[in-house]
Protein backbone atom coordinates (compact mmCIF):
# COMPACT_ATOMS: atom_id res chain seq x y z
CA MET A 1 122.97 94.74 77.26
CA ASN A 2 120.51 91.80 78.85
CA ARG A 3 118.38 93.31 81.00
CA LEU A 4 115.70 90.06 81.75
CA ARG A 5 116.43 90.19 85.47
CA PHE A 6 114.75 90.35 88.40
CA LEU A 7 114.74 92.90 90.94
CA GLY A 8 111.46 97.59 95.53
CA GLY A 9 130.09 112.31 87.52
CA ILE A 10 132.95 118.08 89.50
CA SER A 11 136.43 118.94 91.35
CA ALA A 12 139.52 117.22 92.60
CA VAL A 13 139.00 118.14 96.26
CA LEU A 14 136.79 116.00 97.71
CA LEU A 15 135.08 118.19 100.61
CA LEU A 16 133.43 115.53 103.22
CA ALA A 17 131.15 117.07 105.58
CA VAL A 18 129.44 113.76 108.14
CA VAL A 19 127.21 114.92 110.82
CA VAL A 20 125.54 112.39 112.43
CA VAL A 21 122.14 113.75 114.19
CA SER A 22 121.16 112.31 117.77
CA GLY A 23 118.42 110.07 117.79
CA VAL A 24 118.30 106.34 118.60
CA ALA A 25 119.29 103.91 116.47
CA THR A 26 116.26 101.02 116.88
CA ALA A 27 112.27 102.28 117.07
CA GLY A 28 111.61 100.58 119.59
CA PRO A 29 109.93 97.20 121.09
CA PRO A 30 108.10 95.75 119.35
CA PRO A 31 109.80 95.06 117.27
CA ALA A 32 112.65 96.41 117.47
CA TYR A 33 113.84 97.68 114.29
CA PHE A 34 117.91 98.82 114.49
CA VAL A 35 120.02 101.01 111.68
CA ASP A 36 123.48 99.77 111.41
CA GLN A 37 125.13 103.06 111.83
CA SER A 38 128.50 101.25 110.16
CA LYS A 39 126.63 101.09 106.81
CA LEU A 40 125.29 104.83 106.58
CA PRO A 41 128.99 106.63 105.50
CA PHE A 42 129.42 106.90 101.59
CA ASP A 43 132.05 107.67 99.54
CA ALA A 44 131.45 110.59 96.78
CA LEU A 45 130.91 109.36 93.02
CA PRO A 46 134.14 109.74 90.90
CA ASN A 47 135.03 113.13 89.20
CA THR A 48 132.63 114.98 91.79
CA THR A 49 132.94 117.07 94.76
CA THR A 50 130.02 116.82 97.37
CA ALA A 51 129.15 117.01 101.07
CA ARG A 52 127.62 114.28 102.14
CA TYR A 53 125.85 114.08 105.60
CA PHE A 54 124.44 110.85 107.17
CA GLY A 55 122.99 109.29 110.56
CA VAL A 56 120.12 108.50 112.36
CA HIS A 57 117.19 110.58 112.70
CA GLY A 58 113.60 109.59 114.49
CA GLY A 59 115.02 106.02 114.16
CA ALA A 60 115.63 106.30 110.81
CA GLY A 61 118.52 106.14 109.06
CA TYR A 62 119.39 109.00 106.36
CA ARG A 63 121.76 109.97 103.62
CA ILE A 64 122.09 113.67 102.07
CA GLU A 65 124.33 114.38 99.94
CA VAL A 66 125.19 118.39 98.65
CA PRO A 67 126.86 118.97 95.15
CA ALA A 68 129.54 122.05 95.64
CA ASN A 69 127.78 123.29 93.13
CA TRP A 70 124.60 123.45 94.96
CA ASN A 71 121.64 124.53 92.44
CA GLY A 72 119.83 125.26 95.84
CA GLU A 73 117.50 122.63 94.96
CA LEU A 74 116.41 119.45 96.75
CA VAL A 75 115.07 115.59 95.59
CA LEU A 76 113.76 113.28 98.05
CA TYR A 77 113.79 109.52 97.10
CA ALA A 78 111.65 106.92 98.73
CA HIS A 79 112.90 103.37 98.44
CA GLY A 80 110.70 100.60 98.17
CA PHE A 81 109.51 97.44 99.89
CA ARG A 82 111.87 95.61 102.57
CA GLY A 83 110.70 92.44 103.47
CA THR A 84 110.04 92.14 107.10
CA GLY A 85 113.49 92.17 108.23
CA LEU A 86 114.27 94.17 111.61
CA GLU A 87 117.61 96.13 109.82
CA LEU A 88 116.67 99.41 108.42
CA THR A 89 118.18 100.07 104.83
CA ILE A 90 118.62 103.29 102.39
CA THR A 91 119.14 102.74 98.67
CA ASN A 92 121.11 105.79 96.79
CA PRO A 93 118.96 107.14 93.90
CA ARG A 94 119.58 105.63 90.28
CA ILE A 95 119.91 108.89 88.87
CA ARG A 96 122.23 109.85 91.48
CA GLN A 97 124.77 110.72 88.93
CA LEU A 98 122.98 113.37 86.84
CA LEU A 99 121.73 114.68 90.03
CA VAL A 100 125.12 115.40 91.79
CA THR A 101 126.66 116.60 87.93
CA HIS A 102 123.08 118.56 88.03
CA GLY A 103 123.62 120.23 91.26
CA TYR A 104 121.03 118.85 92.79
CA ALA A 105 121.17 117.82 96.08
CA TRP A 106 119.47 114.57 97.31
CA ALA A 107 118.24 112.79 100.46
CA ALA A 108 116.83 108.72 101.15
CA SER A 109 115.38 107.66 104.23
CA SER A 110 115.22 103.91 105.32
CA TYR A 111 112.14 104.58 107.51
CA SER A 112 111.65 103.64 110.94
CA LYS A 113 109.58 100.66 110.12
CA ASN A 114 109.62 97.78 107.49
CA GLY A 115 106.92 96.33 105.95
CA TYR A 116 104.29 97.94 103.15
CA ASP A 117 104.16 100.63 105.51
CA VAL A 118 103.70 103.85 103.65
CA LYS A 119 102.32 105.93 106.28
CA GLN A 120 105.92 105.90 107.95
CA GLY A 121 107.52 106.22 104.74
CA VAL A 122 105.34 108.95 103.73
CA LYS A 123 105.96 111.02 107.45
CA ASP A 124 110.01 110.00 107.64
CA THR A 125 110.81 110.90 104.01
CA HIS A 126 109.21 114.20 105.06
CA ALA A 127 110.72 114.39 108.36
CA LEU A 128 114.23 114.25 106.50
CA GLY A 129 113.09 116.98 104.38
CA GLU A 130 112.47 119.21 107.14
CA LEU A 131 115.70 117.86 108.68
CA PHE A 132 117.68 119.11 105.69
CA ASN A 133 116.45 122.33 106.17
CA GLY A 134 118.15 122.89 109.58
CA LEU A 135 121.78 120.76 108.37
CA VAL A 136 121.75 122.59 105.30
CA GLY A 137 119.56 124.75 104.26
CA ASN A 138 116.04 125.47 102.55
CA PRO A 139 115.82 124.64 99.40
CA THR A 140 114.28 126.63 96.85
CA ARG A 141 112.25 123.96 94.95
CA THR A 142 112.23 120.29 96.41
CA TYR A 143 110.92 117.36 94.24
CA ILE A 144 110.04 114.02 95.42
CA THR A 145 110.67 110.19 93.51
CA GLY A 146 110.25 106.63 94.36
CA HIS A 147 110.22 103.36 93.12
CA SER A 148 107.98 100.79 93.79
CA MET A 149 106.70 101.32 97.38
CA GLY A 150 107.98 104.40 97.31
CA GLY A 151 106.01 105.53 94.08
CA HIS A 152 103.40 104.86 96.40
CA ILE A 153 104.54 107.01 99.10
CA THR A 154 105.39 109.55 96.69
CA GLY A 155 101.95 109.82 95.61
CA VAL A 156 100.43 110.24 99.08
CA ALA A 157 102.94 112.72 99.60
CA ILE A 158 102.14 115.10 97.27
CA GLU A 159 98.69 114.76 98.47
CA GLN A 160 99.39 114.93 102.17
CA TYR A 161 101.76 118.34 101.84
CA PRO A 162 100.36 120.14 98.69
CA SER A 163 102.59 122.80 99.75
CA ALA A 164 105.85 121.14 99.97
CA TYR A 165 107.22 119.68 96.56
CA VAL A 166 107.36 121.19 92.88
CA GLY A 167 107.25 117.77 90.74
CA ALA A 168 107.09 114.18 91.72
CA LEU A 169 108.61 111.35 89.57
CA PRO A 170 107.02 107.70 90.95
CA MET A 171 108.24 105.13 89.26
CA CYS A 172 106.89 101.30 88.62
CA GLY A 173 104.61 102.61 91.77
CA VAL A 174 101.90 100.94 93.57
CA MET A 175 99.72 103.86 92.40
CA GLY A 176 96.34 101.98 92.29
CA ASP A 177 97.13 101.21 96.60
CA ASN A 178 95.10 98.61 98.23
CA GLU A 179 94.52 97.40 94.30
CA LEU A 180 97.57 96.14 94.26
CA PHE A 181 96.86 93.58 97.26
CA ASP A 182 93.17 93.18 95.38
CA TYR A 183 94.73 92.21 92.06
CA TYR A 184 96.70 89.25 93.79
CA LEU A 185 93.73 87.63 95.56
CA ASP A 186 92.22 87.62 92.13
CA PHE A 187 94.42 85.55 90.76
CA ASN A 188 94.94 83.36 93.28
CA LEU A 189 91.37 82.88 93.57
CA VAL A 190 90.52 83.49 89.92
CA ALA A 191 93.58 80.14 89.27
CA GLU A 192 91.92 78.06 92.13
CA ALA A 193 88.39 78.28 90.69
CA LEU A 194 89.84 77.28 86.93
CA ALA A 195 91.60 74.53 88.75
CA GLY A 196 88.71 73.30 90.35
CA VAL A 197 90.12 73.63 93.82
CA PRO A 198 87.96 74.43 96.64
CA ALA A 199 89.70 78.37 98.19
CA GLN A 200 89.77 79.79 101.62
CA PHE A 201 90.44 82.95 102.84
CA PRO A 202 92.54 83.49 104.65
CA PHE A 203 94.65 81.36 102.55
CA PRO A 204 95.31 78.39 104.33
CA ALA A 205 99.07 78.30 105.91
CA ASN A 206 100.12 75.31 103.53
CA TYR A 207 98.93 77.02 100.55
CA GLN A 208 102.66 76.54 98.98
CA ALA A 209 102.62 72.89 99.61
CA ALA A 210 99.56 71.73 100.27
CA VAL A 211 97.24 73.52 97.48
CA VAL A 212 99.30 75.36 94.54
CA PRO A 213 101.26 72.10 93.02
CA GLY A 214 97.77 70.74 92.44
CA VAL A 215 96.19 74.18 91.33
CA LYS A 216 99.19 73.74 88.98
CA ALA A 217 98.83 70.54 87.42
CA ALA A 218 95.37 71.18 86.24
CA LEU A 219 95.98 74.31 84.52
CA ALA A 220 99.66 73.28 82.59
CA ALA A 221 101.37 70.54 81.83
CA SER A 222 104.52 72.36 83.00
CA TYR A 223 103.06 75.34 84.44
CA PRO A 224 103.11 78.37 83.64
CA SER A 225 104.26 76.65 80.42
CA GLY A 226 102.23 74.13 78.47
CA LEU A 227 99.02 75.53 79.29
CA ASN A 228 95.91 73.70 78.93
CA ALA A 229 92.53 75.35 77.99
CA GLN A 230 91.59 76.22 81.79
CA GLY A 231 95.40 77.50 82.09
CA LEU A 232 94.99 80.11 79.28
CA LYS A 233 91.71 81.09 80.83
CA LEU A 234 94.00 82.42 83.40
CA PHE A 235 95.86 83.70 81.23
CA GLY A 236 93.87 85.42 79.55
CA VAL A 237 92.26 87.13 82.88
CA THR A 238 95.73 87.61 84.04
CA GLN A 239 96.43 89.94 81.41
CA ASN A 240 93.51 91.73 81.64
CA ILE A 241 93.56 92.43 85.56
CA SER A 242 97.36 93.73 84.64
CA GLY A 243 96.30 96.06 82.09
CA GLY A 244 95.15 94.22 79.27
CA PRO A 245 96.31 92.92 75.96
CA ARG A 246 99.62 94.37 75.49
CA PRO A 247 103.37 93.31 73.51
CA ALA A 248 104.81 90.04 75.00
CA PHE A 249 102.37 89.44 77.33
CA ALA A 250 103.45 85.37 76.68
CA THR A 251 107.09 86.13 78.27
CA SER A 252 105.87 88.44 81.08
CA PHE A 253 103.12 85.26 82.06
CA PHE A 254 105.93 83.32 81.91
CA VAL A 255 108.55 84.96 84.06
CA TRP A 256 105.88 85.72 86.42
CA GLY A 257 103.30 82.86 86.68
CA ASN A 258 104.54 81.04 89.55
CA PHE A 259 105.84 83.88 91.36
CA LEU A 260 102.01 85.56 91.41
CA PHE A 261 101.24 81.96 93.77
CA THR A 262 103.62 83.46 96.47
CA VAL A 263 101.98 87.14 97.04
CA GLY A 264 99.36 88.36 98.88
CA VAL A 265 98.09 85.01 100.23
CA THR A 266 99.77 85.05 104.06
CA GLY A 267 98.18 86.55 107.26
CA ASN A 268 94.62 87.62 107.26
CA GLY A 269 94.13 90.09 105.07
CA ASP A 270 96.00 93.12 107.14
CA LEU A 271 99.26 92.96 105.81
CA GLY A 272 100.31 93.98 108.75
CA VAL A 273 99.68 97.41 108.70
CA ALA A 274 95.43 97.63 108.57
CA PRO A 275 93.02 96.59 111.90
CA GLY A 276 91.24 93.79 108.89
CA ASN A 277 91.29 92.46 105.92
CA VAL A 278 91.98 94.89 103.03
CA GLN A 279 91.05 92.76 99.82
CA ASP A 280 88.05 92.32 98.05
CA ASN A 281 86.64 91.15 95.16
CA SER A 282 83.08 91.14 96.15
CA THR A 283 82.09 92.76 93.00
CA THR A 284 85.05 92.17 90.13
CA VAL A 285 83.44 90.68 87.35
CA TYR A 286 86.58 88.29 85.57
CA GLN A 287 87.02 88.54 81.89
CA ILE A 288 89.40 86.12 79.95
CA ASP A 289 88.97 87.64 76.63
CA SER A 290 88.71 91.13 75.47
CA ASP A 291 84.84 91.16 74.76
CA PRO A 292 83.01 92.76 77.68
CA ALA A 293 79.85 90.79 76.68
CA LEU A 294 80.28 87.67 79.40
CA SER A 295 80.66 84.51 77.63
CA THR A 296 79.44 81.18 78.90
CA ASP A 297 83.29 80.80 80.13
CA GLU A 298 83.00 83.82 81.44
CA ILE A 299 79.80 83.66 83.29
CA VAL A 300 81.02 80.28 84.91
CA LEU A 301 83.77 81.16 86.47
CA ASN A 302 82.25 84.13 88.03
CA ALA A 303 80.00 82.09 89.71
CA ASN A 304 82.71 79.41 90.64
CA VAL A 305 84.82 82.28 92.05
CA LEU A 306 85.49 82.53 96.05
CA ARG A 307 84.02 86.29 96.73
CA VAL A 308 85.63 87.52 99.93
CA THR A 309 84.68 91.10 101.17
CA GLN A 310 87.15 93.21 102.58
CA ASP A 311 86.76 94.13 106.59
CA PRO A 312 84.75 97.61 107.43
CA GLN A 313 87.40 98.45 109.19
CA GLY A 314 90.54 97.49 106.33
CA ARG A 315 90.44 100.92 104.51
CA HIS A 316 90.04 104.54 104.74
CA PRO A 317 88.95 106.44 102.05
CA ASP A 318 91.72 109.75 102.75
CA GLY A 319 94.86 110.24 105.39
CA LEU A 320 97.37 108.55 106.41
CA SER A 321 96.30 105.45 107.82
CA ASN A 322 96.27 101.63 106.92
CA ILE A 323 97.13 101.37 102.85
CA PRO A 324 97.02 105.06 102.58
CA PRO A 325 94.83 105.86 99.17
CA ILE A 326 96.04 107.67 96.12
CA LEU A 327 93.26 109.89 95.21
CA ALA A 328 95.12 111.79 92.26
CA ASN A 329 94.35 115.16 93.63
CA PHE A 330 97.33 116.82 93.26
CA GLY A 331 98.20 120.26 92.64
CA ILE A 332 101.60 119.47 90.56
CA PRO A 333 103.47 118.19 87.87
CA VAL A 334 103.59 114.50 88.01
CA VAL A 335 105.44 112.28 85.54
CA THR A 336 105.15 108.14 85.84
CA ILE A 337 107.05 105.15 84.28
CA HIS A 338 105.87 101.89 84.23
CA THR A 339 107.29 98.86 82.31
CA ILE A 340 104.10 97.04 80.85
CA GLY A 341 105.86 92.85 81.48
CA ASP A 342 106.09 94.04 85.52
CA LEU A 343 103.37 91.74 86.58
CA PHE A 344 104.26 92.01 90.33
CA VAL A 345 103.18 95.24 90.35
CA PRO A 346 101.66 95.65 86.76
CA LEU A 347 100.75 98.82 84.24
CA SER A 348 97.10 98.52 86.14
CA MET A 349 98.12 100.10 88.78
CA GLU A 350 98.74 103.19 86.30
CA GLN A 351 95.88 102.79 84.60
CA ILE A 352 94.12 103.19 87.82
CA TYR A 353 96.03 106.40 88.48
CA ALA A 354 94.79 108.31 85.40
CA ARG A 355 91.22 107.73 85.66
CA ARG A 356 91.13 108.91 89.39
CA ALA A 357 93.32 112.14 87.71
CA ALA A 358 90.69 111.94 85.01
CA THR A 359 87.53 112.02 87.98
CA GLN A 360 89.47 114.32 89.89
CA GLY A 361 90.39 117.04 86.99
CA THR A 362 93.72 116.91 86.98
CA SER A 363 94.92 114.84 83.71
CA ASN A 364 96.53 118.53 82.47
CA LEU A 365 99.05 117.53 85.46
CA LEU A 366 100.08 113.83 84.71
CA VAL A 367 102.09 112.16 82.04
CA GLN A 368 102.75 108.75 82.09
CA ARG A 369 105.53 106.83 80.62
CA ALA A 370 105.40 103.00 79.13
CA ILE A 371 108.97 100.98 79.19
CA ARG A 372 109.28 98.04 77.29
CA ASP A 373 110.98 95.19 79.62
CA HIS A 374 109.28 92.47 81.46
CA ASN A 375 111.03 92.91 85.49
CA HIS A 376 109.35 94.89 87.88
CA CYS A 377 111.23 98.44 87.65
CA GLY A 378 113.05 97.34 85.28
CA PHE A 379 114.39 101.01 84.38
CA ALA A 380 117.39 101.59 82.69
CA VAL A 381 119.19 104.44 84.22
CA ALA A 382 119.01 106.55 81.33
CA GLU A 383 115.03 106.35 81.02
CA GLU A 384 114.83 107.55 84.88
CA GLU A 385 117.09 110.07 84.05
CA ALA A 386 114.97 111.41 80.68
CA ALA A 387 111.77 111.64 83.07
CA PHE A 388 113.51 113.71 85.56
CA ALA A 389 115.05 115.57 83.34
CA ASP A 390 111.82 116.31 81.76
CA LEU A 391 110.31 117.17 85.08
CA VAL A 392 112.63 119.77 85.65
CA ASN A 393 111.78 121.15 82.66
CA TRP A 394 108.12 121.11 83.15
CA VAL A 395 108.13 122.65 86.26
CA ASN A 396 110.95 125.40 84.81
CA ASN A 397 109.25 126.01 81.98
CA ALA A 398 106.01 124.87 82.13
CA VAL A 399 106.99 122.43 78.97
CA LYS A 400 104.83 119.55 79.43
CA PRO A 401 106.82 117.08 78.27
CA ALA A 402 105.52 113.71 76.43
CA GLY A 403 104.17 110.53 77.70
CA ASP A 404 101.67 107.56 76.26
CA ASP A 405 97.68 107.16 76.14
CA ILE A 406 97.90 104.08 78.42
CA LEU A 407 94.36 104.13 78.53
CA THR A 408 93.19 102.80 74.94
CA PRO A 409 93.20 99.43 74.01
CA ALA A 410 94.36 99.66 70.88
CA ILE A 411 97.32 101.67 72.04
CA VAL A 412 98.15 99.75 74.44
CA ALA A 413 97.83 96.35 72.22
CA ASP A 414 99.71 97.63 69.71
CA LEU A 415 102.82 95.92 68.85
CA LYS A 416 104.77 99.20 69.42
CA PHE A 417 104.04 100.25 72.81
CA GLY A 418 106.41 101.49 74.76
CA CYS A 419 108.53 102.11 71.43
CA LYS A 420 108.69 106.17 72.68
CA PHE A 421 110.66 106.40 75.58
CA SER A 422 112.21 102.94 75.65
CA VAL A 423 116.21 102.74 75.37
CA PRO A 424 117.11 99.50 73.11
CA GLY A 425 118.19 96.92 75.27
CA HIS A 426 115.57 95.24 76.80
CA ALA A 427 115.24 91.70 76.41
CA GLY A 428 112.21 89.81 75.50
CA PHE A 429 111.02 92.34 73.52
CA PRO A 430 111.66 92.68 69.64
CA ALA A 431 113.52 95.78 68.45
CA CYS A 432 111.49 99.06 68.55
């Protein structure tokens, strides 16, 4: 099956329980977020018997599904970034089939706001867990999982509510919090410097139309292919800031090279959730190659890149404010999975998380897995299911699952990196 694309199975009688908990469908101005309640009902999967609950709670839509043979355990699912539209929507977990056929209940929130509002996602997902207690009953164990921004939400939630969850599965997560937005800044400012184009921050409103075409033309004959000497330097810097040399990176750059000019380049750097700019490259040292010693080209590049400093109020070191940080200070088993060719939320996010865990002394509770795909969250369902099953076994039986070493450069650069946990069928990678 070609998986190069883009993207945040019990008995015969149907048991259907629909409960709509009172609550406003709008979160109030401004802006007037809303839930279309006609979209909340959902059907049971074929050959399953489940009770399904849906409604609006605290301005957020929700879905809950409880199998007839409920094992007493709950999985909370946090969805990814929804853009900045006003309609609030819900995504069912991709591992839903595994969950309901193995007796797990699950619950998912729309959140009461859109945008990159991790704080609200954490609060609304946790509140849904508490609502579950009243609608269904107190679970014996609660797990939490999510994709992309939902991975960020997962990472923050297990630190803010340390006794609420027994295991976590962040997938393709923004585990480096603010550093994702520094990465977008890095790419664009480095590209401008290499192209010899004067840079501005905040980026001008006409950046896409008036600036980017000239930058691309200065870097390649037909960007992102046909890179010239300056374009190859951007290729090298992008490889290093996104996780280091790794298999099939040339394909990754081709897939994402245009897209990276479109993210992190609007507004004043506050991302709509902070009182000031959160992006910063004031102390970043850019490297084109793998040699830590700075070459002449690297010295010139670092001298020419525009430097941006975050506003004092832009970031907070802890807590639920602005873009909440992930400290990797957790006390439960955590399994993460990440695609190695994703340049939207790159592998470097997992490396940051791993280094923070080492600093916190929590590395023994963290297992990370690399998946050979170029898409953001481009997992096969089987890969997600295997990670969840291994997390559960770890929680229940104290059997720590295997993972990948994502911090040793030689291992990450090996042509077989990611083979251990990837199923066949991911396009753009040699077969394992």
